[in-house]
Protein backbone atom coordinates (compact mmCIF):
# COMPACT_ATOMS: atom_id res chain seq x y z
CA MET A 1 7.72 -11.28 -6.74
CA SER A 2 9.34 -14.21 -6.87
CA TRP A 3 12.40 -16.28 -7.47
CA ILE A 4 13.84 -19.28 -6.96
CA PRO A 5 17.44 -19.77 -7.11
CA PHE A 6 19.34 -21.87 -9.45
CA LYS A 7 21.08 -24.69 -7.88
CA ILE A 8 23.98 -25.89 -9.42
CA GLY A 9 24.24 -29.19 -10.35
CA GLN A 10 26.53 -30.01 -13.15
CA PRO A 11 29.65 -28.40 -12.58
CA LYS A 12 32.33 -30.04 -9.53
CA LYS A 13 33.58 -26.51 -9.24
CA GLN A 14 31.48 -24.44 -7.00
CA ILE A 15 31.23 -21.19 -9.27
CA VAL A 16 29.08 -18.86 -6.51
CA SER A 17 30.37 -18.87 -3.15
CA LYS A 18 27.97 -19.51 -0.76
CA THR A 19 28.40 -16.38 1.34
CA VAL A 20 28.00 -14.61 -2.28
CA GLU A 21 24.69 -16.69 -2.80
CA ARG A 22 23.78 -15.59 0.67
CA ASP A 23 24.14 -12.23 0.42
CA PHE A 24 22.13 -11.99 -2.69
CA GLU A 25 19.16 -13.98 -1.18
CA ARG A 26 19.30 -12.26 2.00
CA GLU A 27 18.96 -8.56 0.02
CA TYR A 28 16.47 -9.80 -2.56
CA GLY A 29 14.37 -11.21 -0.17
CA LYS A 30 14.54 -7.61 1.79
CA LEU A 31 13.09 -6.13 -1.45
CA GLN A 32 10.88 -8.69 -2.32
CA GLN A 33 9.08 -7.90 1.52
CA LEU A 34 9.33 -4.33 0.88
CA GLU A 35 7.32 -5.09 -2.56
CA GLU A 36 4.89 -6.78 -0.62
CA GLN A 37 4.69 -3.70 2.09
CA THR A 38 4.40 -1.50 -0.71
CA LYS A 39 1.82 -2.74 -2.53
CA ARG A 40 -0.12 -3.73 0.71
CA LEU A 41 0.18 0.01 1.80
CA GLN A 42 -1.50 1.15 -1.39
CA LYS A 43 -4.72 -1.08 -1.72
CA ASP A 44 -5.30 -0.26 2.51
CA MET A 45 -4.91 3.13 1.72
CA LYS A 46 -7.08 3.15 -1.15
CA LYS A 47 -9.90 1.71 1.08
CA SER A 48 -8.94 4.17 3.91
CA THR A 49 -9.87 7.35 1.45
CA ASP A 50 -13.11 5.81 -0.60
CA ALA A 51 -14.31 4.79 2.80
CA ASP A 52 -14.06 8.42 3.87
CA LEU A 53 -15.55 9.58 1.02
CA ALA A 54 -18.33 7.21 1.45
CA MET A 55 -19.27 8.45 4.98
CA SER A 56 -19.13 12.03 4.26
CA LYS A 57 -21.23 11.59 1.53
CA SER A 58 -23.48 9.33 3.31
CA ALA A 59 -23.89 11.93 6.01
CA VAL A 60 -24.41 14.54 3.64
CA LYS A 61 -27.48 12.39 1.82
CA ILE A 62 -28.96 11.25 5.49
CA SER A 63 -29.16 15.87 6.49
CA LEU A 64 -30.75 16.16 3.14
CA ASP A 65 -33.61 13.19 3.87
CA LEU A 66 -34.11 14.91 7.07
CA LEU A 67 -34.69 18.43 5.43
CA SER A 68 -37.52 17.03 3.16
CA ASN A 69 -38.80 15.64 6.08
CA PRO A 70 -42.62 16.70 6.38
CA LEU A 71 -41.43 18.24 9.57
CA CYS A 72 -39.42 20.72 8.51
CA GLU A 73 -42.33 22.30 7.31
CA GLN A 74 -44.06 22.22 10.23
CA ASP A 75 -41.45 22.98 12.93
CA GLN A 76 -39.07 25.76 12.83
CA ASP A 77 -37.04 24.33 15.58
CA PHE A 78 -36.64 21.14 13.70
CA LEU A 79 -35.80 22.93 10.47
CA ARG A 80 -33.02 25.28 12.31
CA MET A 81 -31.38 21.80 13.94
CA VAL A 82 -31.81 20.18 10.39
CA THR A 83 -30.23 23.35 8.16
CA ALA A 84 -27.53 23.32 10.97
CA LEU A 85 -26.62 20.13 10.63
CA ASP A 86 -26.90 19.99 6.50
CA THR A 87 -24.38 22.94 6.72
CA ALA A 88 -22.01 20.98 9.20
CA MET A 89 -22.36 17.86 6.59
CA LYS A 90 -21.60 20.00 3.63
CA ARG A 91 -18.55 21.84 5.25
CA MET A 92 -17.06 17.77 6.61
CA ASP A 93 -17.82 16.65 2.84
CA ALA A 94 -15.86 19.83 1.88
CA PHE A 95 -12.75 19.32 4.31
CA ASN A 96 -12.84 15.61 3.53
CA GLN A 97 -12.76 16.26 -0.10
CA GLU A 98 -9.72 18.32 0.23
CA LYS A 99 -7.52 15.75 2.59
CA VAL A 100 -8.33 12.79 -0.13
CA ASN A 101 -7.02 14.20 -2.63
CA GLN A 102 -4.20 15.73 -0.63
CA ILE A 103 -3.43 12.11 0.31
CA GLN A 104 -3.89 10.72 -3.18
CA LYS A 105 -1.67 12.94 -4.97
CA THR A 106 1.36 13.20 -2.02
CA VAL A 107 0.77 9.28 -0.62
CA ILE A 108 -1.12 6.47 -2.63
CA GLU A 109 0.56 7.98 -6.02
CA PRO A 110 3.96 7.80 -4.97
CA LEU A 111 3.25 4.45 -3.59
CA LYS A 112 1.91 3.58 -7.28
CA LYS A 113 5.16 4.87 -8.12
CA PHE A 114 7.33 2.94 -6.15
CA SER A 115 5.99 -0.51 -6.74
CA SER A 116 6.15 -0.05 -10.32
CA ILE A 117 9.95 -0.03 -10.10
CA PHE A 118 9.77 -3.51 -8.80
CA PRO A 119 9.04 -5.54 -12.60
CA SER A 120 12.11 -3.97 -13.70
CA LEU A 121 14.13 -5.12 -10.80
CA ASN A 122 12.34 -8.63 -11.21
CA MET A 123 13.71 -8.73 -14.84
CA ALA A 124 17.51 -7.76 -13.67
CA VAL A 125 16.74 -10.72 -11.37
CA LYS A 126 15.77 -13.35 -13.61
CA ARG A 127 18.53 -12.10 -16.21
CA ARG A 128 21.18 -13.27 -13.53
CA GLU A 129 19.54 -16.05 -13.12
CA GLN A 130 19.73 -17.09 -16.71
CA ALA A 131 23.24 -15.46 -17.14
CA LEU A 132 24.00 -18.11 -13.83
CA GLN A 133 23.02 -20.99 -15.47
CA ASP A 134 24.43 -20.40 -18.39
CA TYR A 135 28.00 -20.03 -16.86
CA GLY A 136 26.86 -23.56 -14.98
CA ARG A 137 26.21 -25.14 -17.87
CA LEU A 138 29.78 -24.04 -19.96
CA GLN A 139 31.70 -24.81 -16.51
CA ALA A 140 30.43 -28.10 -16.51
CA LYS A 141 31.53 -28.48 -20.67
CA VAL A 142 35.04 -27.05 -19.30
CA GLU A 143 35.28 -29.52 -16.44
CA LYS A 144 34.08 -32.44 -18.73
CA TYR A 145 37.11 -31.55 -20.82
CA GLU A 146 39.49 -31.30 -18.37
CA GLU A 147 38.71 -34.43 -17.65
CA LYS A 148 39.74 -36.39 -20.50
CA GLU A 149 43.13 -37.36 -21.64
CA LYS A 150 44.91 -34.69 -23.34
CA THR A 151 44.96 -35.45 -26.85
CA GLY A 152 45.39 -32.88 -29.42
CA PRO A 153 40.69 -32.67 -30.23
CA VAL A 154 40.41 -32.68 -26.75
CA LEU A 155 42.95 -29.85 -26.31
CA ALA A 156 41.26 -27.87 -29.08
CA LYS A 157 37.51 -28.25 -27.59
CA LEU A 158 38.66 -27.51 -24.00
CA HIS A 159 40.48 -24.37 -25.62
CA GLN A 160 37.13 -23.48 -27.49
CA ALA A 161 35.24 -24.31 -24.50
CA ARG A 162 37.23 -21.89 -21.88
CA GLU A 163 36.72 -19.20 -25.03
CA GLU A 164 32.98 -19.92 -24.44
CA LEU A 165 33.32 -19.33 -21.05
CA ARG A 166 35.06 -16.51 -20.42
CA PRO A 167 32.44 -13.55 -21.84
CA VAL A 168 29.80 -15.93 -20.36
CA ARG A 169 31.72 -15.72 -16.94
CA GLU A 170 31.83 -11.94 -17.25
CA ASP A 171 28.44 -11.22 -17.91
CA PHE A 172 27.40 -13.13 -14.85
CA GLU A 173 30.18 -11.54 -12.79
CA ALA A 174 29.03 -8.03 -13.98
CA LYS A 175 25.08 -8.60 -13.27
CA ASN A 176 25.45 -10.04 -9.98
CA LYS A 177 27.89 -7.03 -9.06
CA GLN A 178 25.69 -4.74 -10.04
CA LEU A 179 22.77 -6.66 -8.53
CA LEU A 180 24.44 -6.81 -5.21
CA ASP A 181 25.84 -3.17 -5.64
CA GLU A 182 22.31 -1.71 -6.13
CA MET A 183 19.44 -3.93 -4.12
CA PRO A 184 21.20 -2.24 -1.07
CA ARG A 185 20.90 1.02 -2.02
CA PHE A 186 17.55 0.63 -3.46
CA TYR A 187 16.39 -0.66 -0.14
CA GLY A 188 17.77 2.23 1.54
CA SER A 189 16.28 4.83 -0.44
CA ARG A 190 12.59 3.83 0.55
CA LEU A 191 13.00 5.76 3.94
CA ASP A 192 14.53 9.25 1.91
CA TYR A 193 11.21 8.48 -0.58
CA PHE A 194 8.60 7.69 2.12
CA GLN A 195 9.29 10.19 4.67
CA PRO A 196 7.36 13.76 2.63
CA SER A 197 4.42 11.42 2.00
CA PHE A 198 4.12 9.83 5.49
CA GLU A 199 4.85 13.59 6.59
CA SER A 200 1.77 14.77 4.35
CA LEU A 201 -0.12 12.01 5.12
CA ILE A 202 -0.02 13.05 8.97
CA ARG A 203 -0.73 16.66 8.57
CA ALA A 204 -3.65 16.23 6.10
CA GLN A 205 -5.27 13.97 8.99
CA VAL A 206 -4.38 16.83 11.78
CA ILE A 207 -5.75 20.02 9.20
CA TYR A 208 -9.20 17.79 8.31
CA TYR A 209 -9.81 16.90 12.30
CA SER A 210 -9.15 20.31 13.23
CA GLU A 211 -11.19 21.79 11.05
CA MET A 212 -13.64 18.80 12.09
CA HIS A 213 -13.44 19.72 15.79
CA LYS A 214 -14.41 23.22 14.94
CA ILE A 215 -17.43 22.07 12.52
CA PHE A 216 -18.95 20.33 15.21
CA GLY A 217 -18.46 22.24 18.13
CA ASP A 218 -20.32 25.20 16.71
CA LEU A 219 -23.12 22.49 15.23
CA THR A 220 -22.96 21.85 18.66
CA GLN A 221 -23.79 25.20 20.23
CA GLN A 222 -26.58 25.22 17.70
CA LEU A 223 -28.20 22.48 18.85
CA ASP A 224 -27.50 21.86 23.01
CA GLN A 225 -30.05 22.79 24.85
CA PRO A 226 -29.10 24.36 27.82
CA GLY A 227 -30.13 22.00 31.00
CA HIS A 228 -30.61 18.62 29.21
CA SER A 229 -28.40 16.00 29.34
CA ASP A 230 -27.87 12.39 27.34
CA GLU A 231 -29.80 10.91 30.59
CA GLN A 232 -32.56 13.43 30.52
CA ARG A 233 -32.81 13.15 26.66
CA GLU A 234 -33.06 9.98 26.87
CA ARG A 235 -35.56 9.72 29.13
CA GLU A 236 -37.72 12.13 27.06
CA ASN A 237 -37.57 9.82 24.48
CA GLU A 238 -38.59 6.80 26.35
CA THR A 239 -42.08 8.69 27.21
CA LYS A 240 -42.73 9.44 24.11
CA LEU A 241 -42.08 6.32 22.93
CA SER A 242 -44.39 4.37 25.89
CA GLU A 243 -47.06 7.21 24.75
CA LEU A 244 -47.11 5.99 21.31
CA ARG A 245 -46.97 2.00 22.06
CA ALA A 246 -50.04 3.02 23.97
CA LEU A 247 -52.24 4.42 21.24
CA SER A 248 -54.72 1.59 19.63
CA ILE A 249 -53.30 0.74 16.09
CA VAL A 250 -49.39 -0.20 17.55
CA ALA A 251 -51.07 -2.23 20.65
CA ASP A 252 -50.78 -5.59 20.88
CA ASP A 253 -53.73 -7.95 20.44
């Protein structure tokens, strides 16, 4: 949403005080920033949920690939481990889908609906700007006749110009007052509107990660070999890799 305030050129009389125009620009600027932040947050939330879904789907795909590995047919211990992993990944994916659905419903959709209000606000500001231009044009017309010699035809034209100016001035003043009254109220309403959404986002994350703690805790108990530290496993892997490298088919020339 962008707006360039109308610069009064023709009328000599200042038809809108600097204080009023400054207040208007301040309040409207806050709403411009709010619109930008709302759109950016909506976009970032969508990216986040898409990435979450892609992560859990990839994890399920990896576990399925492992299950189809020939090693599972040859090694029952390996099959048991991969089956446990596959079960955990599917549970993770299910909870992740629930979390994403909740965020979509309670956070992303409200953000989208809130953003949809700004085009109407933008249009109201444009109508106010057009009314200000009309006001300035007719005020300049009145001033032109006021400066002329007061002959009968000039006085008649001055009266007509003042009659034309009155409803246009009242229209601008009404539009200006409405926006100055309602823009701060709109801006202030963001807290009450978004607080339930952000609370729901936090709850969804807490529930999800609590379940992940349980899932991976169970998986760890199923897979862990007593007495094997990460360092021991790393040394075992390095030993087996060295044995593979010693084979003639992979030896360097």
